[in-house]
Amino acid sequence: MFRTIADFVTEYTNESKTTQRVMDTLTDASLAQKITPELRSLGQLGWHIGTTIHEMISRTGLEFAAPEGEEHAPASALTIADTYRTSAAAAIDAIQSQWTDAKLSESSDMYGEQWLNGLTLRIFLSHEIHHRGEMIVLMRQAGLRVPDIYGPTREDWIERGMEPLV
């Protein structure tokens, strides 16, 4: 649970930069990649991350612009990446301008339960990281080079002349 706005903004700024690098790697052709027909495609996952920012955070009473067409993923990787960029920045701005640290200890209705706002921000961030991990698997299947996130990728190790860990 976050106890200060500054702590959330610092962590989310770092994580959203990483998510943005993932989004910026997508191609239009890669968006249809799926593990199985009944699961979300790579494009649907990217769109879900980008649109959930407003869908989830606005439930706490924060006001900021919602992305257009929240229900269906566009066929454009650039649109998905730009929507994420805009939504993440808008959420940070809304939190910094509309809340004080005291607001993090207040509760909001989240999907029929009362969650402390600081907990909502933690769950929101974990949700994004979870789906970003799913995207990376699909990106590999689609033949995309994934960016390093918490350490070097296999490709990074090879480019450095090192043996990748198996």
N, C-alpha and C. Protein backbone atom coordinates (compact mmCIF):
# COMPACT_ATOMS: atom_id res chain seq x y z
N MET A 1 0.84 -1.17 0.00
CA MET A 1 0.00 0.00 0.00
C MET A 1 0.89 1.24 0.00
N PHE A 2 0.52 2.19 -0.80
CA PHE A 2 1.27 3.45 -0.83
C PHE A 2 0.77 4.37 0.27
N ARG A 3 1.70 5.04 0.93
CA ARG A 3 1.35 5.96 2.02
C ARG A 3 1.62 7.41 1.66
N THR A 4 2.39 7.63 0.58
CA THR A 4 2.61 9.00 0.12
C THR A 4 2.43 9.06 -1.40
N ILE A 5 1.96 10.20 -1.85
CA ILE A 5 1.80 10.44 -3.29
C ILE A 5 3.17 10.35 -3.96
N ALA A 6 4.17 10.94 -3.33
CA ALA A 6 5.52 10.94 -3.91
C ALA A 6 6.03 9.53 -4.14
N ASP A 7 5.79 8.62 -3.18
CA ASP A 7 6.25 7.23 -3.35
C ASP A 7 5.56 6.58 -4.55
N PHE A 8 4.25 6.78 -4.68
CA PHE A 8 3.55 6.21 -5.83
C PHE A 8 4.07 6.81 -7.13
N VAL A 9 4.17 8.13 -7.18
CA VAL A 9 4.60 8.78 -8.43
C VAL A 9 5.98 8.31 -8.84
N THR A 10 6.88 8.18 -7.88
CA THR A 10 8.23 7.70 -8.20
C THR A 10 8.18 6.28 -8.77
N GLU A 11 7.47 5.39 -8.10
CA GLU A 11 7.42 4.00 -8.56
C GLU A 11 6.66 3.87 -9.88
N TYR A 12 5.52 4.55 -9.99
CA TYR A 12 4.74 4.42 -11.22
C TYR A 12 5.45 5.09 -12.40
N THR A 13 6.14 6.18 -12.16
CA THR A 13 6.90 6.80 -13.24
C THR A 13 7.93 5.82 -13.80
N ASN A 14 8.64 5.15 -12.92
CA ASN A 14 9.64 4.16 -13.36
C ASN A 14 8.99 2.99 -14.09
N GLU A 15 7.94 2.44 -13.52
CA GLU A 15 7.29 1.28 -14.14
C GLU A 15 6.59 1.67 -15.44
N SER A 16 5.99 2.85 -15.50
CA SER A 16 5.30 3.24 -16.72
C SER A 16 6.28 3.51 -17.86
N LYS A 17 7.48 3.97 -17.53
CA LYS A 17 8.51 4.12 -18.57
C LYS A 17 8.83 2.75 -19.18
N THR A 18 8.92 1.74 -18.33
CA THR A 18 9.19 0.39 -18.80
C THR A 18 8.02 -0.13 -19.63
N THR A 19 6.81 0.06 -19.13
CA THR A 19 5.64 -0.37 -19.90
C THR A 19 5.59 0.36 -21.23
N GLN A 20 5.93 1.62 -21.23
CA GLN A 20 5.92 2.39 -22.49
C GLN A 20 6.92 1.81 -23.48
N ARG A 21 8.07 1.37 -23.01
CA ARG A 21 9.05 0.75 -23.92
C ARG A 21 8.47 -0.53 -24.53
N VAL A 22 7.72 -1.29 -23.73
CA VAL A 22 7.05 -2.49 -24.26
C VAL A 22 6.03 -2.07 -25.31
N MET A 23 5.20 -1.10 -24.99
CA MET A 23 4.17 -0.64 -25.93
C MET A 23 4.79 -0.11 -27.22
N ASP A 24 5.89 0.62 -27.11
CA ASP A 24 6.54 1.20 -28.28
C ASP A 24 7.20 0.15 -29.18
N THR A 25 7.38 -1.06 -28.67
CA THR A 25 7.98 -2.15 -29.45
C THR A 25 6.94 -2.86 -30.32
N LEU A 26 5.67 -2.73 -29.98
CA LEU A 26 4.61 -3.42 -30.72
C LEU A 26 4.58 -2.96 -32.17
N THR A 27 4.17 -3.88 -33.03
CA THR A 27 3.92 -3.56 -34.44
C THR A 27 2.47 -3.90 -34.75
N ASP A 28 1.95 -3.31 -35.78
CA ASP A 28 0.57 -3.63 -36.16
C ASP A 28 0.40 -5.13 -36.40
N ALA A 29 1.38 -5.75 -37.05
CA ALA A 29 1.29 -7.18 -37.36
C ALA A 29 1.32 -8.04 -36.09
N SER A 30 1.98 -7.58 -35.04
CA SER A 30 2.10 -8.38 -33.82
C SER A 30 0.84 -8.37 -32.96
N LEU A 31 -0.05 -7.42 -33.17
CA LEU A 31 -1.19 -7.23 -32.28
C LEU A 31 -2.13 -8.43 -32.23
N ALA A 32 -2.17 -9.24 -33.27
CA ALA A 32 -3.07 -10.39 -33.32
C ALA A 32 -2.51 -11.62 -32.62
N GLN A 33 -1.25 -11.57 -32.16
CA GLN A 33 -0.63 -12.74 -31.54
C GLN A 33 -1.41 -13.18 -30.30
N LYS A 34 -1.75 -14.48 -30.25
CA LYS A 34 -2.45 -15.08 -29.12
C LYS A 34 -1.77 -16.39 -28.74
N ILE A 35 -1.96 -16.78 -27.48
CA ILE A 35 -1.51 -18.11 -27.05
C ILE A 35 -2.53 -19.15 -27.48
N THR A 36 -3.79 -18.85 -27.23
CA THR A 36 -4.89 -19.71 -27.66
C THR A 36 -6.03 -18.81 -28.14
N PRO A 37 -6.94 -19.34 -28.95
CA PRO A 37 -8.01 -18.50 -29.50
C PRO A 37 -8.91 -17.82 -28.45
N GLU A 38 -9.07 -18.44 -27.30
CA GLU A 38 -9.99 -17.88 -26.32
C GLU A 38 -9.34 -16.83 -25.40
N LEU A 39 -8.04 -16.64 -25.48
CA LEU A 39 -7.35 -15.67 -24.63
C LEU A 39 -7.10 -14.36 -25.38
N ARG A 40 -6.80 -13.33 -24.64
CA ARG A 40 -6.56 -12.01 -25.24
C ARG A 40 -5.35 -12.03 -26.17
N SER A 41 -5.45 -11.24 -27.20
CA SER A 41 -4.32 -11.06 -28.11
C SER A 41 -3.35 -10.05 -27.51
N LEU A 42 -2.19 -9.93 -28.09
CA LEU A 42 -1.19 -8.96 -27.67
C LEU A 42 -1.77 -7.55 -27.72
N GLY A 43 -2.47 -7.24 -28.78
CA GLY A 43 -3.09 -5.92 -28.90
C GLY A 43 -4.15 -5.69 -27.84
N GLN A 44 -4.95 -6.71 -27.57
CA GLN A 44 -5.98 -6.57 -26.54
C GLN A 44 -5.36 -6.35 -25.16
N LEU A 45 -4.25 -7.04 -24.87
CA LEU A 45 -3.58 -6.84 -23.59
C LEU A 45 -3.02 -5.42 -23.47
N GLY A 46 -2.38 -4.95 -24.53
CA GLY A 46 -1.86 -3.58 -24.51
C GLY A 46 -2.96 -2.56 -24.32
N TRP A 47 -4.06 -2.76 -25.02
CA TRP A 47 -5.20 -1.84 -24.91
C TRP A 47 -5.82 -1.93 -23.52
N HIS A 48 -5.90 -3.13 -22.97
CA HIS A 48 -6.43 -3.31 -21.63
C HIS A 48 -5.60 -2.53 -20.60
N ILE A 49 -4.29 -2.62 -20.70
CA ILE A 49 -3.43 -1.88 -19.78
C ILE A 49 -3.68 -0.38 -19.92
N GLY A 50 -3.71 0.09 -21.14
CA GLY A 50 -3.89 1.53 -21.37
C GLY A 50 -5.23 2.06 -20.92
N THR A 51 -6.28 1.29 -21.11
CA THR A 51 -7.62 1.77 -20.74
C THR A 51 -7.95 1.53 -19.28
N THR A 52 -7.31 0.55 -18.67
CA THR A 52 -7.57 0.28 -17.25
C THR A 52 -7.08 1.42 -16.37
N ILE A 53 -6.12 2.18 -16.84
CA ILE A 53 -5.64 3.31 -16.04
C ILE A 53 -6.82 4.18 -15.63
N HIS A 54 -7.60 4.62 -16.60
CA HIS A 54 -8.75 5.46 -16.27
C HIS A 54 -9.85 4.66 -15.60
N GLU A 55 -10.15 3.49 -16.13
CA GLU A 55 -11.25 2.68 -15.59
C GLU A 55 -11.07 2.42 -14.10
N MET A 56 -9.87 2.10 -13.69
CA MET A 56 -9.63 1.74 -12.30
C MET A 56 -9.42 2.98 -11.42
N ILE A 57 -8.54 3.85 -11.84
CA ILE A 57 -8.18 4.99 -11.00
C ILE A 57 -9.35 5.96 -10.83
N SER A 58 -10.18 6.12 -11.85
CA SER A 58 -11.30 7.06 -11.73
C SER A 58 -12.35 6.59 -10.71
N ARG A 59 -12.34 5.32 -10.38
CA ARG A 59 -13.27 4.80 -9.36
C ARG A 59 -13.01 5.41 -7.98
N THR A 60 -11.83 5.98 -7.81
CA THR A 60 -11.49 6.61 -6.53
C THR A 60 -11.98 8.05 -6.46
N GLY A 61 -12.59 8.53 -7.52
CA GLY A 61 -13.07 9.91 -7.56
C GLY A 61 -12.15 10.85 -8.31
N LEU A 62 -11.00 10.38 -8.74
CA LEU A 62 -10.10 11.22 -9.53
C LEU A 62 -10.72 11.49 -10.90
N GLU A 63 -10.52 12.69 -11.38
CA GLU A 63 -11.08 13.07 -12.67
C GLU A 63 -9.97 13.37 -13.66
N PHE A 64 -10.01 12.67 -14.78
CA PHE A 64 -9.10 12.91 -15.90
C PHE A 64 -9.69 12.24 -17.13
N ALA A 65 -9.21 12.61 -18.29
CA ALA A 65 -9.80 12.16 -19.55
C ALA A 65 -9.67 10.65 -19.73
N ALA A 66 -10.77 10.06 -20.18
CA ALA A 66 -10.78 8.62 -20.51
C ALA A 66 -10.37 8.44 -21.97
N PRO A 67 -9.69 7.34 -22.28
CA PRO A 67 -9.36 7.09 -23.69
C PRO A 67 -10.62 6.77 -24.50
N GLU A 68 -10.56 7.06 -25.76
CA GLU A 68 -11.67 6.77 -26.67
C GLU A 68 -11.75 5.28 -26.94
N GLY A 69 -12.97 4.74 -27.05
CA GLY A 69 -13.16 3.35 -27.46
C GLY A 69 -12.61 2.33 -26.51
N GLU A 70 -12.95 2.45 -25.26
CA GLU A 70 -12.36 1.58 -24.24
C GLU A 70 -12.60 0.08 -24.47
N GLU A 71 -13.63 -0.30 -25.18
CA GLU A 71 -14.00 -1.71 -25.25
C GLU A 71 -13.20 -2.53 -26.26
N HIS A 72 -12.80 -1.94 -27.36
CA HIS A 72 -12.17 -2.72 -28.43
C HIS A 72 -10.79 -2.17 -28.76
N ALA A 73 -9.83 -3.06 -28.83
CA ALA A 73 -8.47 -2.67 -29.16
C ALA A 73 -8.39 -2.21 -30.61
N PRO A 74 -7.70 -1.12 -30.85
CA PRO A 74 -7.51 -0.67 -32.23
C PRO A 74 -6.52 -1.57 -32.96
N ALA A 75 -6.48 -1.47 -34.26
CA ALA A 75 -5.56 -2.26 -35.08
C ALA A 75 -4.21 -1.55 -35.24
N SER A 76 -4.01 -0.47 -34.54
CA SER A 76 -2.79 0.34 -34.65
C SER A 76 -1.95 0.25 -33.38
N ALA A 77 -0.73 -0.24 -33.53
CA ALA A 77 0.19 -0.31 -32.39
C ALA A 77 0.52 1.10 -31.89
N LEU A 78 0.62 2.04 -32.80
CA LEU A 78 0.92 3.42 -32.41
C LEU A 78 -0.21 4.00 -31.57
N THR A 79 -1.44 3.71 -31.92
CA THR A 79 -2.58 4.19 -31.14
C THR A 79 -2.56 3.61 -29.73
N ILE A 80 -2.25 2.34 -29.61
CA ILE A 80 -2.18 1.70 -28.29
C ILE A 80 -1.06 2.35 -27.46
N ALA A 81 0.11 2.51 -28.05
CA ALA A 81 1.24 3.10 -27.34
C ALA A 81 0.95 4.55 -26.93
N ASP A 82 0.38 5.33 -27.84
CA ASP A 82 0.06 6.72 -27.53
C ASP A 82 -1.03 6.84 -26.48
N THR A 83 -2.01 5.95 -26.52
CA THR A 83 -3.08 5.96 -25.52
C THR A 83 -2.50 5.66 -24.14
N TYR A 84 -1.63 4.68 -24.07
CA TYR A 84 -0.99 4.37 -22.79
C TYR A 84 -0.21 5.59 -22.28
N ARG A 85 0.60 6.18 -23.14
CA ARG A 85 1.42 7.33 -22.76
C ARG A 85 0.55 8.46 -22.19
N THR A 86 -0.52 8.78 -22.89
CA THR A 86 -1.41 9.86 -22.47
C THR A 86 -2.14 9.53 -21.17
N SER A 87 -2.63 8.30 -21.06
CA SER A 87 -3.39 7.89 -19.87
C SER A 87 -2.50 7.84 -18.63
N ALA A 88 -1.30 7.31 -18.77
CA ALA A 88 -0.38 7.23 -17.62
C ALA A 88 -0.03 8.63 -17.12
N ALA A 89 0.28 9.53 -18.05
CA ALA A 89 0.61 10.90 -17.65
C ALA A 89 -0.58 11.60 -17.01
N ALA A 90 -1.77 11.38 -17.54
CA ALA A 90 -2.98 12.00 -16.99
C ALA A 90 -3.27 11.49 -15.58
N ALA A 91 -3.05 10.20 -15.35
CA ALA A 91 -3.28 9.64 -14.01
C ALA A 91 -2.32 10.24 -13.00
N ILE A 92 -1.06 10.33 -13.36
CA ILE A 92 -0.07 10.94 -12.46
C ILE A 92 -0.45 12.38 -12.16
N ASP A 93 -0.80 13.13 -13.18
CA ASP A 93 -1.19 14.52 -12.99
C ASP A 93 -2.41 14.63 -12.08
N ALA A 94 -3.42 13.77 -12.30
CA ALA A 94 -4.64 13.82 -11.49
C ALA A 94 -4.33 13.51 -10.03
N ILE A 95 -3.52 12.50 -9.78
CA ILE A 95 -3.17 12.13 -8.41
C ILE A 95 -2.42 13.27 -7.73
N GLN A 96 -1.46 13.85 -8.42
CA GLN A 96 -0.67 14.92 -7.82
C GLN A 96 -1.48 16.20 -7.59
N SER A 97 -2.41 16.49 -8.49
CA SER A 97 -3.15 17.75 -8.37
C SER A 97 -4.44 17.65 -7.57
N GLN A 98 -5.00 16.43 -7.44
CA GLN A 98 -6.30 16.30 -6.78
C GLN A 98 -6.23 15.66 -5.40
N TRP A 99 -5.13 15.03 -5.06
CA TRP A 99 -5.01 14.34 -3.79
C TRP A 99 -3.88 14.91 -2.95
N THR A 100 -4.01 14.68 -1.66
CA THR A 100 -2.91 14.85 -0.71
C THR A 100 -2.61 13.45 -0.16
N ASP A 101 -1.54 13.34 0.59
CA ASP A 101 -1.21 12.03 1.18
C ASP A 101 -2.35 11.48 2.02
N ALA A 102 -3.10 12.35 2.66
CA ALA A 102 -4.22 11.91 3.52
C ALA A 102 -5.26 11.14 2.72
N LYS A 103 -5.43 11.47 1.46
CA LYS A 103 -6.43 10.80 0.61
C LYS A 103 -6.10 9.32 0.42
N LEU A 104 -4.85 8.93 0.56
CA LEU A 104 -4.46 7.54 0.39
C LEU A 104 -5.03 6.65 1.49
N SER A 105 -5.36 7.22 2.63
CA SER A 105 -5.93 6.46 3.75
C SER A 105 -7.45 6.41 3.71
N GLU A 106 -8.06 7.07 2.73
CA GLU A 106 -9.51 7.02 2.57
C GLU A 106 -9.89 5.83 1.71
N SER A 107 -11.13 5.37 1.86
CA SER A 107 -11.62 4.22 1.11
C SER A 107 -12.49 4.65 -0.06
N SER A 108 -12.48 3.83 -1.10
CA SER A 108 -13.34 4.01 -2.26
C SER A 108 -13.94 2.67 -2.63
N ASP A 109 -15.12 2.72 -3.24
CA ASP A 109 -15.75 1.49 -3.71
C ASP A 109 -15.00 1.00 -4.94
N MET A 110 -14.42 -0.18 -4.80
CA MET A 110 -13.69 -0.79 -5.91
C MET A 110 -14.30 -2.17 -6.17
N TYR A 111 -15.14 -2.19 -7.20
CA TYR A 111 -15.73 -3.46 -7.64
C TYR A 111 -16.54 -4.13 -6.52
N GLY A 112 -17.28 -3.30 -5.77
CA GLY A 112 -18.15 -3.82 -4.73
C GLY A 112 -17.49 -3.99 -3.37
N GLU A 113 -16.24 -3.63 -3.26
CA GLU A 113 -15.52 -3.70 -1.99
C GLU A 113 -14.98 -2.32 -1.66
N GLN A 114 -14.70 -2.10 -0.39
CA GLN A 114 -14.07 -0.85 0.05
C GLN A 114 -12.55 -1.07 0.13
N TRP A 115 -11.80 -0.34 -0.69
CA TRP A 115 -10.34 -0.43 -0.68
C TRP A 115 -9.78 0.92 -0.28
N LEU A 116 -8.74 0.92 0.53
CA LEU A 116 -8.02 2.16 0.79
C LEU A 116 -7.40 2.62 -0.54
N ASN A 117 -7.39 3.92 -0.77
CA ASN A 117 -6.86 4.43 -2.03
C ASN A 117 -5.39 4.06 -2.24
N GLY A 118 -4.63 4.02 -1.15
CA GLY A 118 -3.23 3.60 -1.26
C GLY A 118 -3.10 2.15 -1.70
N LEU A 119 -4.04 1.31 -1.27
CA LEU A 119 -4.07 -0.09 -1.71
C LEU A 119 -4.49 -0.17 -3.18
N THR A 120 -5.46 0.63 -3.56
CA THR A 120 -5.89 0.65 -4.96
C THR A 120 -4.72 0.97 -5.88
N LEU A 121 -3.90 1.93 -5.50
CA LEU A 121 -2.74 2.28 -6.33
C LEU A 121 -1.76 1.11 -6.40
N ARG A 122 -1.57 0.38 -5.30
CA ARG A 122 -0.68 -0.78 -5.30
C ARG A 122 -1.22 -1.87 -6.22
N ILE A 123 -2.51 -2.16 -6.10
CA ILE A 123 -3.14 -3.19 -6.93
C ILE A 123 -3.12 -2.76 -8.40
N PHE A 124 -3.39 -1.50 -8.65
CA PHE A 124 -3.34 -0.97 -10.01
C PHE A 124 -1.97 -1.20 -10.63
N LEU A 125 -0.92 -0.87 -9.89
CA LEU A 125 0.43 -1.05 -10.40
C LEU A 125 0.76 -2.52 -10.62
N SER A 126 0.38 -3.37 -9.67
CA SER A 126 0.61 -4.81 -9.81
C SER A 126 -0.14 -5.37 -11.02
N HIS A 127 -1.34 -4.89 -11.24
CA HIS A 127 -2.15 -5.30 -12.40
C HIS A 127 -1.42 -4.99 -13.70
N GLU A 128 -0.87 -3.79 -13.78
CA GLU A 128 -0.15 -3.40 -14.99
C GLU A 128 1.08 -4.28 -15.21
N ILE A 129 1.83 -4.51 -14.16
CA ILE A 129 3.04 -5.33 -14.27
C ILE A 129 2.68 -6.76 -14.66
N HIS A 130 1.62 -7.28 -14.11
CA HIS A 130 1.16 -8.63 -14.44
C HIS A 130 0.86 -8.75 -15.94
N HIS A 131 0.08 -7.84 -16.47
CA HIS A 131 -0.28 -7.91 -17.89
C HIS A 131 0.91 -7.58 -18.79
N ARG A 132 1.82 -6.75 -18.33
CA ARG A 132 3.03 -6.47 -19.10
C ARG A 132 3.83 -7.75 -19.27
N GLY A 133 3.88 -8.58 -18.23
CA GLY A 133 4.57 -9.86 -18.33
C GLY A 133 3.92 -10.78 -19.35
N GLU A 134 2.58 -10.78 -19.38
CA GLU A 134 1.88 -11.58 -20.39
C GLU A 134 2.23 -11.07 -21.79
N MET A 135 2.32 -9.76 -21.93
CA MET A 135 2.65 -9.19 -23.24
C MET A 135 4.02 -9.64 -23.72
N ILE A 136 4.95 -9.74 -22.81
CA ILE A 136 6.32 -10.11 -23.20
C ILE A 136 6.36 -11.51 -23.78
N VAL A 137 5.60 -12.42 -23.21
CA VAL A 137 5.54 -13.78 -23.76
C VAL A 137 5.00 -13.74 -25.19
N LEU A 138 3.93 -13.01 -25.39
CA LEU A 138 3.33 -12.91 -26.73
C LEU A 138 4.25 -12.17 -27.70
N MET A 139 4.98 -11.20 -27.21
CA MET A 139 5.93 -10.49 -28.07
C MET A 139 7.00 -11.44 -28.58
N ARG A 140 7.51 -12.29 -27.69
CA ARG A 140 8.50 -13.28 -28.13
C ARG A 140 7.91 -14.22 -29.17
N GLN A 141 6.68 -14.66 -28.93
CA GLN A 141 6.03 -15.55 -29.90
C GLN A 141 5.83 -14.85 -31.24
N ALA A 142 5.62 -13.54 -31.22
CA ALA A 142 5.41 -12.77 -32.44
C ALA A 142 6.72 -12.39 -33.12
N GLY A 143 7.84 -12.78 -32.52
CA GLY A 143 9.14 -12.50 -33.12
C GLY A 143 9.69 -11.12 -32.81
N LEU A 144 9.11 -10.43 -31.84
CA LEU A 144 9.61 -9.11 -31.47
C LEU A 144 10.73 -9.23 -30.44
N ARG A 145 11.64 -8.32 -30.48
CA ARG A 145 12.68 -8.26 -29.45
C ARG A 145 12.09 -7.50 -28.26
N VAL A 146 12.11 -8.12 -27.11
CA VAL A 146 11.55 -7.47 -25.93
C VAL A 146 12.61 -6.58 -25.29
N PRO A 147 12.17 -5.46 -24.74
CA PRO A 147 13.13 -4.60 -24.05
C PRO A 147 13.54 -5.20 -22.72
N ASP A 148 14.74 -4.84 -22.26
CA ASP A 148 15.13 -5.27 -20.92
C ASP A 148 14.21 -4.57 -19.93
N ILE A 149 13.90 -5.26 -18.86
CA ILE A 149 12.99 -4.67 -17.87
C ILE A 149 13.70 -4.60 -16.53
N TYR A 150 13.94 -5.72 -15.90
CA TYR A 150 14.63 -5.71 -14.61
C TYR A 150 16.04 -6.27 -14.75
N GLY A 151 16.47 -6.43 -15.95
CA GLY A 151 17.80 -6.93 -16.24
C GLY A 151 17.92 -7.22 -17.71
N PRO A 152 19.09 -7.63 -18.15
CA PRO A 152 19.33 -7.87 -19.57
C PRO A 152 18.47 -9.01 -20.12
N THR A 153 18.11 -8.88 -21.39
CA THR A 153 17.42 -9.96 -22.10
C THR A 153 18.48 -10.91 -22.66
N ARG A 154 18.02 -12.00 -23.18
CA ARG A 154 18.92 -12.97 -23.81
C ARG A 154 19.74 -12.29 -24.90
N GLU A 155 19.06 -11.49 -25.70
CA GLU A 155 19.73 -10.78 -26.80
C GLU A 155 20.79 -9.80 -26.27
N ASP A 156 20.49 -9.15 -25.14
CA ASP A 156 21.46 -8.24 -24.54
C ASP A 156 22.73 -8.99 -24.13
N TRP A 157 22.55 -10.15 -23.50
CA TRP A 157 23.70 -10.95 -23.07
C TRP A 157 24.56 -11.31 -24.28
N ILE A 158 23.93 -11.77 -25.34
CA ILE A 158 24.68 -12.19 -26.55
C ILE A 158 25.43 -11.00 -27.13
N GLU A 159 24.76 -9.84 -27.22
CA GLU A 159 25.42 -8.64 -27.77
C GLU A 159 26.60 -8.19 -26.92
N ARG A 160 26.60 -8.53 -25.65
CA ARG A 160 27.70 -8.19 -24.76
C ARG A 160 28.82 -9.24 -24.78
N GLY A 161 28.63 -10.26 -25.64
CA GLY A 161 29.61 -11.32 -25.76
C GLY A 161 29.58 -12.31 -24.62
N MET A 162 28.43 -12.38 -23.93
CA MET A 162 28.32 -13.27 -22.78
C MET A 162 27.39 -14.43 -23.12
N GLU A 163 27.55 -15.49 -22.38
CA GLU A 163 26.68 -16.65 -22.54
C GLU A 163 25.38 -16.39 -21.79
N PRO A 164 24.22 -16.43 -22.48
CA PRO A 164 22.95 -16.21 -21.77
C PRO A 164 22.69 -17.33 -20.78
N LEU A 165 22.11 -16.97 -19.65
CA LEU A 165 21.74 -17.96 -18.67
C LEU A 165 20.51 -18.69 -19.18
N VAL A 166 20.46 -19.98 -18.95
CA VAL A 166 19.35 -20.78 -19.43
C VAL A 166 18.32 -20.93 -18.34
